[in-house]
PDB file of N, CA and C in Angstrom:
ATOM      1  N   MET A   1     -10.679 -10.885  21.275  1.00  0.00           N
ATOM      2  CA  MET A   1     -10.393 -10.296  19.974  1.00  0.00           C
ATOM      3  C   MET A   1      -9.528 -11.264  19.175  1.00  0.00           C
ATOM      4  N   ALA A   2      -9.981 -11.599  18.001  1.00  0.00           N
ATOM      5  CA  ALA A   2      -9.278 -12.558  17.154  1.00  0.00           C
ATOM      6  C   ALA A   2      -8.102 -11.903  16.435  1.00  0.00           C
ATOM      7  N   CYS A   3      -7.088 -12.714  16.186  1.00  0.00           N
ATOM      8  CA  CYS A   3      -5.932 -12.226  15.421  1.00  0.00           C
ATOM      9  C   CYS A   3      -6.189 -12.340  13.925  1.00  0.00           C
ATOM     10  N   ILE A   4      -7.012 -13.315  13.553  1.00  0.00           N
ATOM     11  CA  ILE A   4      -7.425 -13.461  12.158  1.00  0.00           C
ATOM     12  C   ILE A   4      -8.886 -13.040  12.101  1.00  0.00           C
ATOM     13  N   GLN A   5      -9.169 -11.986  11.379  1.00  0.00           N
ATOM     14  CA  GLN A   5     -10.516 -11.443  11.325  1.00  0.00           C
ATOM     15  C   GLN A   5     -11.401 -12.270  10.395  1.00  0.00           C
ATOM     16  N   SER A   6     -12.703 -12.033  10.451  1.00  0.00           N
ATOM     17  CA  SER A   6     -13.657 -12.826   9.673  1.00  0.00           C
ATOM     18  C   SER A   6     -13.420 -12.747   8.167  1.00  0.00           C
ATOM     19  N   ASP A   7     -12.808 -11.664   7.698  1.00  0.00           N
ATOM     20  CA  ASP A   7     -12.518 -11.547   6.262  1.00  0.00           C
ATOM     21  C   ASP A   7     -11.173 -12.174   5.885  1.00  0.00           C
ATOM     22  N   GLY A   8     -10.489 -12.777   6.877  1.00  0.00           N
ATOM     23  CA  GLY A   8      -9.208 -13.434   6.615  1.00  0.00           C
ATOM     24  C   GLY A   8      -8.001 -12.550   6.828  1.00  0.00           C
ATOM     25  N   SER A   9      -8.232 -11.256   7.032  1.00  0.00           N
ATOM     26  CA  SER A   9      -7.104 -10.352   7.270  1.00  0.00           C
ATOM     27  C   SER A   9      -6.618 -10.503   8.710  1.00  0.00           C
ATOM     28  N   LEU A  10      -5.423 -10.014   8.959  1.00  0.00           N
ATOM     29  CA  LEU A  10      -4.851 -10.064  10.299  1.00  0.00           C
ATOM     30  C   LEU A  10      -5.114  -8.760  11.028  1.00  0.00           C
ATOM     31  N   SER A  11      -5.421  -8.868  12.316  1.00  0.00           N
ATOM     32  CA  SER A  11      -5.504  -7.664  13.142  1.00  0.00           C
ATOM     33  C   SER A  11      -4.089  -7.140  13.347  1.00  0.00           C
ATOM     34  N   ARG A  12      -3.965  -5.934  13.830  1.00  0.00           N
ATOM     35  CA  ARG A  12      -2.632  -5.368  14.088  1.00  0.00           C
ATOM     36  C   ARG A  12      -1.883  -6.235  15.101  1.00  0.00           C
ATOM     37  N   CYS A  13      -2.581  -6.677  16.138  1.00  0.00           N
ATOM     38  CA  CYS A  13      -1.960  -7.551  17.132  1.00  0.00           C
ATOM     39  C   CYS A  13      -1.524  -8.859  16.477  1.00  0.00           C
ATOM     40  N   GLY A  14      -2.342  -9.386  15.584  1.00  0.00           N
ATOM     41  CA  GLY A  14      -1.983 -10.607  14.865  1.00  0.00           C
ATOM     42  C   GLY A  14      -0.719 -10.429  14.046  1.00  0.00           C
ATOM     43  N   GLU A  15      -0.594  -9.292  13.386  1.00  0.00           N
ATOM     44  CA  GLU A  15       0.612  -9.003  12.601  1.00  0.00           C
ATOM     45  C   GLU A  15       1.849  -8.999  13.493  1.00  0.00           C
ATOM     46  N   LEU A  16       1.749  -8.332  14.642  1.00  0.00           N
ATOM     47  CA  LEU A  16       2.898  -8.228  15.539  1.00  0.00           C
ATOM     48  C   LEU A  16       3.274  -9.579  16.137  1.00  0.00           C
ATOM     49  N   LEU A  17       2.267 -10.377  16.495  1.00  0.00           N
ATOM     50  CA  LEU A  17       2.558 -11.696  17.057  1.00  0.00           C
ATOM     51  C   LEU A  17       3.193 -12.608  16.015  1.00  0.00           C
ATOM     52  N   LEU A  18       2.699 -12.555  14.784  1.00  0.00           N
ATOM     53  CA  LEU A  18       3.322 -13.361  13.725  1.00  0.00           C
ATOM     54  C   LEU A  18       4.756 -12.912  13.478  1.00  0.00           C
ATOM     55  N   LEU A  19       4.968 -11.618  13.467  1.00  0.00           N
ATOM     56  CA  LEU A  19       6.317 -11.099  13.262  1.00  0.00           C
ATOM     57  C   LEU A  19       7.267 -11.604  14.347  1.00  0.00           C
ATOM     58  N   ALA A  20       6.769 -11.716  15.564  1.00  0.00           N
ATOM     59  CA  ALA A  20       7.592 -12.203  16.677  1.00  0.00           C
ATOM     60  C   ALA A  20       7.989 -13.667  16.494  1.00  0.00           C
ATOM     61  N   MET A  21       7.270 -14.380  15.631  1.00  0.00           N
ATOM     62  CA  MET A  21       7.580 -15.793  15.382  1.00  0.00           C
ATOM     63  C   MET A  21       8.299 -15.992  14.053  1.00  0.00           C
ATOM     64  N   TRP A  22       8.854 -14.915  13.493  1.00  0.00           N
ATOM     65  CA  TRP A  22       9.633 -15.028  12.251  1.00  0.00           C
ATOM     66  C   TRP A  22      10.762 -16.031  12.464  1.00  0.00           C
ATOM     67  N   GLU A  23      11.425 -15.916  13.610  1.00  0.00           N
ATOM     68  CA  GLU A  23      12.387 -16.918  14.067  1.00  0.00           C
ATOM     69  C   GLU A  23      11.675 -17.720  15.152  1.00  0.00           C
ATOM     70  N   PRO A  24      11.994 -19.007  15.299  1.00  0.00           N
ATOM     71  CA  PRO A  24      11.309 -19.804  16.327  1.00  0.00           C
ATOM     72  C   PRO A  24      11.346 -19.125  17.700  1.00  0.00           C
ATOM     73  N   ALA A  25      10.183 -19.097  18.354  1.00  0.00           N
ATOM     74  CA  ALA A  25      10.059 -18.477  19.674  1.00  0.00           C
ATOM     75  C   ALA A  25       9.018 -19.234  20.485  1.00  0.00           C
ATOM     76  N   THR A  26       9.233 -19.306  21.784  1.00  0.00           N
ATOM     77  CA  THR A  26       8.256 -19.929  22.672  1.00  0.00           C
ATOM     78  C   THR A  26       7.119 -18.939  22.925  1.00  0.00           C
ATOM     79  N   PRO A  27       5.971 -19.429  23.373  1.00  0.00           N
ATOM     80  CA  PRO A  27       4.882 -18.509  23.706  1.00  0.00           C
ATOM     81  C   PRO A  27       5.305 -17.466  24.743  1.00  0.00           C
ATOM     82  N   GLU A  28       6.106 -17.884  25.711  1.00  0.00           N
ATOM     83  CA  GLU A  28       6.569 -16.955  26.740  1.00  0.00           C
ATOM     84  C   GLU A  28       7.450 -15.856  26.145  1.00  0.00           C
ATOM     85  N   GLU A  29       8.309 -16.207  25.214  1.00  0.00           N
ATOM     86  CA  GLU A  29       9.162 -15.207  24.556  1.00  0.00           C
ATOM     87  C   GLU A  29       8.329 -14.227  23.742  1.00  0.00           C
ATOM     88  N   VAL A  30       7.338 -14.756  23.034  1.00  0.00           N
ATOM     89  CA  VAL A  30       6.466 -13.891  22.227  1.00  0.00           C
ATOM     90  C   VAL A  30       5.706 -12.928  23.134  1.00  0.00           C
ATOM     91  N   ALA A  31       5.166 -13.441  24.236  1.00  0.00           N
ATOM     92  CA  ALA A  31       4.423 -12.593  25.175  1.00  0.00           C
ATOM     93  C   ALA A  31       5.302 -11.467  25.704  1.00  0.00           C
ATOM     94  N   LYS A  32       6.521 -11.799  26.072  1.00  0.00           N
ATOM     95  CA  LYS A  32       7.445 -10.788  26.600  1.00  0.00           C
ATOM     96  C   LYS A  32       7.827  -9.775  25.522  1.00  0.00           C
ATOM     97  N   ASP A  33       8.202 -10.267  24.338  1.00  0.00           N
ATOM     98  CA  ASP A  33       8.640  -9.381  23.254  1.00  0.00           C
ATOM     99  C   ASP A  33       7.539  -8.429  22.794  1.00  0.00           C
ATOM    100  N   CYS A  34       6.298  -8.910  22.808  1.00  0.00           N
ATOM    101  CA  CYS A  34       5.178  -8.110  22.297  1.00  0.00           C
ATOM    102  C   CYS A  34       4.388  -7.405  23.395  1.00  0.00           C
ATOM    103  N   ALA A  35       4.760  -7.648  24.659  1.00  0.00           N
ATOM    104  CA  ALA A  35       4.031  -7.070  25.795  1.00  0.00           C
ATOM    105  C   ALA A  35       2.545  -7.416  25.727  1.00  0.00           C
ATOM    106  N   VAL A  36       2.285  -8.701  25.462  1.00  0.00           N
ATOM    107  CA  VAL A  36       0.921  -9.222  25.353  1.00  0.00           C
ATOM    108  C   VAL A  36       0.778 -10.337  26.386  1.00  0.00           C
ATOM    109  N   PRO A  37      -0.364 -10.423  27.075  1.00  0.00           N
ATOM    110  CA  PRO A  37      -0.535 -11.494  28.055  1.00  0.00           C
ATOM    111  C   PRO A  37      -0.358 -12.884  27.422  1.00  0.00           C
ATOM    112  N   LEU A  38       0.209 -13.795  28.191  1.00  0.00           N
ATOM    113  CA  LEU A  38       0.490 -15.137  27.696  1.00  0.00           C
ATOM    114  C   LEU A  38      -0.773 -15.843  27.208  1.00  0.00           C
ATOM    115  N   PHE A  39      -1.904 -15.669  27.898  1.00  0.00           N
ATOM    116  CA  PHE A  39      -3.137 -16.331  27.458  1.00  0.00           C
ATOM    117  C   PHE A  39      -3.539 -15.851  26.066  1.00  0.00           C
ATOM    118  N   ARG A  40      -3.271 -14.593  25.767  1.00  0.00           N
ATOM    119  CA  ARG A  40      -3.596 -14.028  24.446  1.00  0.00           C
ATOM    120  C   ARG A  40      -2.688 -14.622  23.371  1.00  0.00           C
ATOM    121  N   VAL A  41      -1.414 -14.793  23.703  1.00  0.00           N
ATOM    122  CA  VAL A  41      -0.466 -15.397  22.762  1.00  0.00           C
ATOM    123  C   VAL A  41      -0.876 -16.836  22.476  1.00  0.00           C
ATOM    124  N   ARG A  42      -1.236 -17.573  23.507  1.00  0.00           N
ATOM    125  CA  ARG A  42      -1.641 -18.976  23.308  1.00  0.00           C
ATOM    126  C   ARG A  42      -2.892 -19.078  22.439  1.00  0.00           C
ATOM    127  N   SER A  43      -3.822 -18.168  22.628  1.00  0.00           N
ATOM    128  CA  SER A  43      -5.023 -18.142  21.796  1.00  0.00           C
ATOM    129  C   SER A  43      -4.661 -17.857  20.341  1.00  0.00           C
ATOM    130  N   ALA A  44      -3.766 -16.896  20.142  1.00  0.00           N
ATOM    131  CA  ALA A  44      -3.318 -16.553  18.786  1.00  0.00           C
ATOM    132  C   ALA A  44      -2.601 -17.728  18.143  1.00  0.00           C
ATOM    133  N   ILE A  45      -1.791 -18.434  18.915  1.00  0.00           N
ATOM    134  CA  ILE A  45      -1.074 -19.595  18.383  1.00  0.00           C
ATOM    135  C   ILE A  45      -2.058 -20.631  17.864  1.00  0.00           C
ATOM    136  N   ARG A  46      -3.127 -20.871  18.609  1.00  0.00           N
ATOM    137  CA  ARG A  46      -4.143 -21.836  18.136  1.00  0.00           C
ATOM    138  C   ARG A  46      -4.738 -21.379  16.808  1.00  0.00           C
ATOM    139  N   GLU A  47      -5.030 -20.096  16.693  1.00  0.00           N
ATOM    140  CA  GLU A  47      -5.559 -19.558  15.432  1.00  0.00           C
ATOM    141  C   GLU A  47      -4.562 -19.724  14.293  1.00  0.00           C
ATOM    142  N   PHE A  48      -3.321 -19.352  14.543  1.00  0.00           N
ATOM    143  CA  PHE A  48      -2.290 -19.390  13.503  1.00  0.00           C
ATOM    144  C   PHE A  48      -1.968 -20.813  13.061  1.00  0.00           C
ATOM    145  N   VAL A  49      -1.913 -21.743  14.011  1.00  0.00           N
ATOM    146  CA  VAL A  49      -1.672 -23.151  13.651  1.00  0.00           C
ATOM    147  C   VAL A  49      -2.830 -23.652  12.800  1.00  0.00           C
ATOM    148  N   GLY A  50      -4.055 -23.344  13.210  1.00  0.00           N
ATOM    149  CA  GLY A  50      -5.238 -23.758  12.458  1.00  0.00           C
ATOM    150  C   GLY A  50      -5.275 -23.205  11.046  1.00  0.00           C
ATOM    151  N   ALA A  51      -4.722 -22.023  10.869  1.00  0.00           N
ATOM    152  CA  ALA A  51      -4.691 -21.385   9.545  1.00  0.00           C
ATOM    153  C   ALA A  51      -3.455 -21.781   8.743  1.00  0.00           C
ATOM    154  N   GLY A  52      -2.568 -22.571   9.351  1.00  0.00           N
ATOM    155  CA  GLY A  52      -1.360 -23.004   8.647  1.00  0.00           C
ATOM    156  C   GLY A  52      -0.283 -21.936   8.545  1.00  0.00           C
ATOM    157  N   LEU A  53      -0.347 -20.910   9.400  1.00  0.00           N
ATOM    158  CA  LEU A  53       0.621 -19.814   9.330  1.00  0.00           C
ATOM    159  C   LEU A  53       1.877 -20.069  10.162  1.00  0.00           C
ATOM    160  N   ILE A  54       1.752 -20.894  11.205  1.00  0.00           N
ATOM    161  CA  ILE A  54       2.901 -21.258  12.036  1.00  0.00           C
ATOM    162  C   ILE A  54       2.867 -22.749  12.304  1.00  0.00           C
ATOM    163  N   GLU A  55       4.011 -23.269  12.756  1.00  0.00           N
ATOM    164  CA  GLU A  55       4.098 -24.675  13.149  1.00  0.00           C
ATOM    165  C   GLU A  55       4.999 -24.782  14.359  1.00  0.00           C
ATOM    166  N   LYS A  56       4.800 -25.856  15.108  1.00  0.00           N
ATOM    167  CA  LYS A  56       5.608 -26.085  16.300  1.00  0.00           C
ATOM    168  C   LYS A  56       6.939 -26.687  15.901  1.00  0.00           C
ATOM    169  N   LYS A  57       8.004 -26.165  16.495  1.00  0.00           N
ATOM    170  CA  LYS A  57       9.362 -26.677  16.282  1.00  0.00           C
ATOM    171  C   LYS A  57       9.977 -26.850  17.659  1.00  0.00           C
ATOM    172  N   GLY A  58       9.907 -28.064  18.198  1.00  0.00           N
ATOM    173  CA  GLY A  58      10.353 -28.296  19.576  1.00  0.00           C
ATOM    174  C   GLY A  58       9.403 -27.605  20.531  1.00  0.00           C
ATOM    175  N   ASP A  59       9.939 -26.749  21.391  1.00  0.00           N
ATOM    176  CA  ASP A  59       9.112 -25.981  22.329  1.00  0.00           C
ATOM    177  C   ASP A  59       8.675 -24.640  21.753  1.00  0.00           C
ATOM    178  N   ALA A  60       9.150 -24.326  20.555  1.00  0.00           N
ATOM    179  CA  ALA A  60       8.905 -23.020  19.950  1.00  0.00           C
ATOM    180  C   ALA A  60       7.943 -23.133  18.765  1.00  0.00           C
ATOM    181  N   TYR A  61       7.536 -21.988  18.276  1.00  0.00           N
ATOM    182  CA  TYR A  61       6.693 -21.890  17.087  1.00  0.00           C
ATOM    183  C   TYR A  61       7.384 -20.976  16.096  1.00  0.00           C
ATOM    184  N   ALA A  62       7.212 -21.279  14.808  1.00  0.00           N
ATOM    185  CA  ALA A  62       7.823 -20.463  13.754  1.00  0.00           C
ATOM    186  C   ALA A  62       6.889 -20.411  12.556  1.00  0.00           C
ATOM    187  N   LEU A  63       7.085 -19.406  11.728  1.00  0.00           N
ATOM    188  CA  LEU A  63       6.273 -19.253  10.527  1.00  0.00           C
ATOM    189  C   LEU A  63       6.483 -20.418   9.567  1.00  0.00           C
ATOM    190  N   THR A  64       5.406 -20.819   8.934  1.00  0.00           N
ATOM    191  CA  THR A  64       5.477 -21.767   7.828  1.00  0.00           C
ATOM    192  C   THR A  64       5.740 -20.960   6.559  1.00  0.00           C
ATOM    193  N   ARG A  65       5.900 -21.643   5.439  1.00  0.00           N
ATOM    194  CA  ARG A  65       6.052 -20.912   4.164  1.00  0.00           C
ATOM    195  C   ARG A  65       4.838 -20.029   3.910  1.00  0.00           C
ATOM    196  N   LYS A  66       3.664 -20.564   4.230  1.00  0.00           N
ATOM    197  CA  LYS A  66       2.436 -19.785   4.066  1.00  0.00           C
ATOM    198  C   LYS A  66       2.474 -18.538   4.959  1.00  0.00           C
ATOM    199  N   GLY A  67       2.955 -18.691   6.181  1.00  0.00           N
ATOM    200  CA  GLY A  67       3.072 -17.565   7.100  1.00  0.00           C
ATOM    201  C   GLY A  67       4.060 -16.523   6.611  1.00  0.00           C
ATOM    202  N   VAL A  68       5.178 -16.987   6.067  1.00  0.00           N
ATOM    203  CA  VAL A  68       6.183 -16.062   5.527  1.00  0.00           C
ATOM    204  C   VAL A  68       5.593 -15.273   4.364  1.00  0.00           C
ATOM    205  N   ARG A  69       4.895 -15.962   3.460  1.00  0.00           N
ATOM    206  CA  ARG A  69       4.275 -15.264   2.320  1.00  0.00           C
ATOM    207  C   ARG A  69       3.267 -14.233   2.809  1.00  0.00           C
ATOM    208  N   ARG A  70       2.510 -14.597   3.831  1.00  0.00           N
ATOM    209  CA  ARG A  70       1.509 -13.681   4.382  1.00  0.00           C
ATOM    210  C   ARG A  70       2.183 -12.433   4.960  1.00  0.00           C
ATOM    211  N   MET A  71       3.275 -12.626   5.692  1.00  0.00           N
ATOM    212  CA  MET A  71       3.970 -11.493   6.298  1.00  0.00           C
ATOM    213  C   MET A  71       4.671 -10.634   5.256  1.00  0.00           C
ATOM    214  N   GLU A  72       5.188 -11.242   4.207  1.00  0.00           N
ATOM    215  CA  GLU A  72       5.867 -10.472   3.163  1.00  0.00           C
ATOM    216  C   GLU A  72       4.908  -9.546   2.435  1.00  0.00           C
ATOM    217  N   GLY A  73       3.622  -9.852   2.475  1.00  0.00           N
ATOM    218  CA  GLY A  73       2.629  -9.016   1.819  1.00  0.00           C
ATOM    219  C   GLY A  73       2.152  -7.850   2.667  1.00  0.00           C
ATOM    220  N   LEU A  74       2.658  -7.737   3.895  1.00  0.00           N
ATOM    221  CA  LEU A  74       2.224  -6.685   4.808  1.00  0.00           C
ATOM    222  C   LEU A  74       3.275  -5.596   4.927  1.00  0.00           C
ATOM    223  N   ASP A  75       2.825  -4.420   5.287  1.00  0.00           N
ATOM    224  CA  ASP A  75       3.734  -3.306   5.553  1.00  0.00           C
ATOM    225  C   ASP A  75       3.829  -3.160   7.069  1.00  0.00           C
ATOM    226  N   VAL A  76       4.618  -4.032   7.690  1.00  0.00           N
ATOM    227  CA  VAL A  76       4.749  -4.044   9.145  1.00  0.00           C
ATOM    228  C   VAL A  76       6.027  -3.323   9.528  1.00  0.00           C
ATOM    229  N   LYS A  77       5.895  -2.372  10.440  1.00  0.00           N
ATOM    230  CA  LYS A  77       7.059  -1.606  10.883  1.00  0.00           C
ATOM    231  C   LYS A  77       7.229  -1.773  12.385  1.00  0.00           C
ATOM    232  N   ILE A  78       8.466  -1.879  12.805  1.00  0.00           N
ATOM    233  CA  ILE A  78       8.791  -1.957  14.226  1.00  0.00           C
ATOM    234  C   ILE A  78       9.358  -0.604  14.639  1.00  0.00           C
ATOM    235  N   HIS A  79       8.841  -0.053  15.706  1.00  0.00           N
ATOM    236  CA  HIS A  79       9.330   1.258  16.188  1.00  0.00           C
ATOM    237  C   HIS A  79      10.250   1.051  17.350  1.00  0.00           C
TER     238      HIS A  79
END
């Protein structure tokens, strides 16, 4: 299941994974925080990097300006 859908929108899982990278985070931290398997996080990271939504910062990944703008346009709530 892709995090970026064919119409360019984000899946719910994609929204949550991007939110987890608002501050720089390693794939392992994102997997733990979101309760998502590490292989799924790594797949999402490849999608997000390809779309210009995140970038690598040392061992971690964080939102780019484009990623921040994308997240600011969403109504994402944490329970």
